[in-house]
Amino acid sequence: MTVYYIRQDNTIWGCGDPECCGINYEEIEERFVECKCVPESEITAEHLHTCAGGGPVLKWRTAKLLEAKAWSDGRDEGFDDGATWGIEWQKKRETE
């Protein structure tokens, strides 16, 4: 099983006018995804986009061991907590 960290642009674009066609709603999402449809050696951002859905994948990498464990453990119980913990752990590591 290979788990990937992705940063994805799920922005919803409007015309900017709330009375006409809506305002822009920017949403950059960070999450983990498992993509079984392609071998790890052939994975691309486009494949991860297909597995995850949503907007284009801006950044991706193979999840680190503890991130993948948190994601996997969270699938059985507390999925959101496990995924959130992994992202927070990564952000903390990047600032150290």
Protein backbone atom coordinates (compact mmCIF):
# COMPACT_ATOMS: atom_id res chain seq x y z
CA MET A 1 0.00 0.00 0.00
CA THR A 2 1.37 3.42 -0.94
CA VAL A 3 -0.10 6.53 0.60
CA TYR A 4 0.57 9.97 -0.86
CA TYR A 5 0.41 13.44 0.63
CA ILE A 6 -1.25 15.86 -1.77
CA ARG A 7 -1.85 19.59 -1.81
CA GLN A 8 -4.81 20.31 -4.03
CA ASP A 9 -6.52 23.43 -5.41
CA ASN A 10 -10.26 22.99 -4.86
CA THR A 11 -11.04 26.65 -5.54
CA ILE A 12 -14.55 27.43 -6.72
CA TRP A 13 -14.46 30.31 -9.18
CA GLY A 14 -17.23 32.86 -9.51
CA CYS A 15 -17.28 36.22 -11.23
CA GLY A 16 -16.48 38.02 -7.97
CA ASP A 17 -19.94 39.61 -7.67
CA PRO A 18 -22.06 37.99 -4.92
CA GLU A 19 -25.29 39.18 -6.57
CA CYS A 20 -24.44 37.87 -10.04
CA CYS A 21 -22.61 34.56 -10.22
CA GLY A 22 -20.95 34.34 -6.82
CA ILE A 23 -17.68 35.19 -5.21
CA ASN A 24 -14.46 33.24 -5.57
CA TYR A 25 -14.07 30.65 -2.81
CA GLU A 26 -10.41 29.74 -2.50
CA GLU A 27 -9.73 26.37 -0.92
CA ILE A 28 -6.30 24.78 -0.91
CA GLU A 29 -6.62 21.37 0.71
CA GLU A 30 -3.91 19.12 2.14
CA ARG A 31 -4.69 15.46 2.59
CA PHE A 32 -3.55 11.91 2.13
CA VAL A 33 -4.76 9.55 -0.56
CA GLU A 34 -4.11 5.94 -1.46
CA CYS A 35 -3.84 5.29 -5.20
CA LYS A 36 -3.85 1.59 -6.14
CA CYS A 37 -4.60 1.98 -9.84
CA VAL A 38 -1.02 2.77 -10.94
CA PRO A 39 2.33 1.29 -9.88
CA GLU A 40 4.33 3.58 -7.61
CA SER A 41 7.07 4.01 -10.22
CA GLU A 42 4.54 5.43 -12.70
CA ILE A 43 2.51 7.71 -10.42
CA THR A 44 1.96 11.32 -11.54
CA ALA A 45 -0.07 14.29 -10.30
CA GLU A 46 -2.73 13.43 -12.88
CA HIS A 47 -3.09 9.89 -11.49
CA LEU A 48 -3.39 11.25 -7.96
CA HIS A 49 -6.02 13.72 -9.15
CA THR A 50 -8.00 10.80 -10.57
CA CYS A 51 -7.76 8.90 -7.28
CA ALA A 52 -8.59 11.90 -5.09
CA GLY A 53 -11.07 13.82 -7.22
CA GLY A 54 -11.43 17.56 -6.72
CA GLY A 55 -9.20 20.15 -8.30
CA PRO A 56 -5.69 19.92 -9.70
CA VAL A 57 -2.90 18.51 -7.54
CA LEU A 58 -0.38 21.29 -6.89
CA LYS A 59 2.17 19.31 -4.89
CA TRP A 60 2.54 15.64 -3.99
CA ARG A 61 4.96 13.15 -2.51
CA THR A 62 4.99 9.69 -0.97
CA ALA A 63 3.80 9.90 2.62
CA LYS A 64 6.44 9.37 5.26
CA LEU A 65 6.23 6.27 7.44
CA LEU A 66 4.50 7.92 10.41
CA GLU A 67 2.12 9.84 8.14
CA ALA A 68 1.10 6.64 6.34
CA LYS A 69 0.65 4.88 9.69
CA ALA A 70 -1.50 7.69 11.05
CA TRP A 71 -3.60 7.66 7.88
CA SER A 72 -3.95 3.89 7.92
CA ASP A 73 -4.78 3.73 11.64
CA GLY A 74 -7.30 6.49 11.17
CA ARG A 75 -9.17 4.57 8.49
CA ASP A 76 -10.33 2.12 11.11
CA GLU A 77 -11.11 4.63 13.82
CA GLY A 78 -10.96 8.42 13.75
CA PHE A 79 -9.97 8.83 10.09
CA ASP A 80 -10.09 12.62 10.17
CA ASP A 81 -8.05 12.76 13.38
CA GLY A 82 -5.34 10.53 11.90
CA ALA A 83 -5.12 12.51 8.67
CA THR A 84 -5.10 15.84 10.49
CA TRP A 85 -2.41 14.63 12.89
CA GLY A 86 -0.21 13.62 9.96
CA ILE A 87 -0.54 17.02 8.27
CA GLU A 88 0.15 18.89 11.51
CA TRP A 89 3.18 16.68 12.17
CA GLN A 90 4.54 17.45 8.70
CA LYS A 91 4.05 21.20 9.10
CA LYS A 92 5.88 21.11 12.44
CA ARG A 93 8.79 19.19 10.88
CA GLU A 94 9.08 21.70 8.02
CA THR A 95 9.39 24.64 10.46
CA GLU A 96 12.07 23.01 12.59
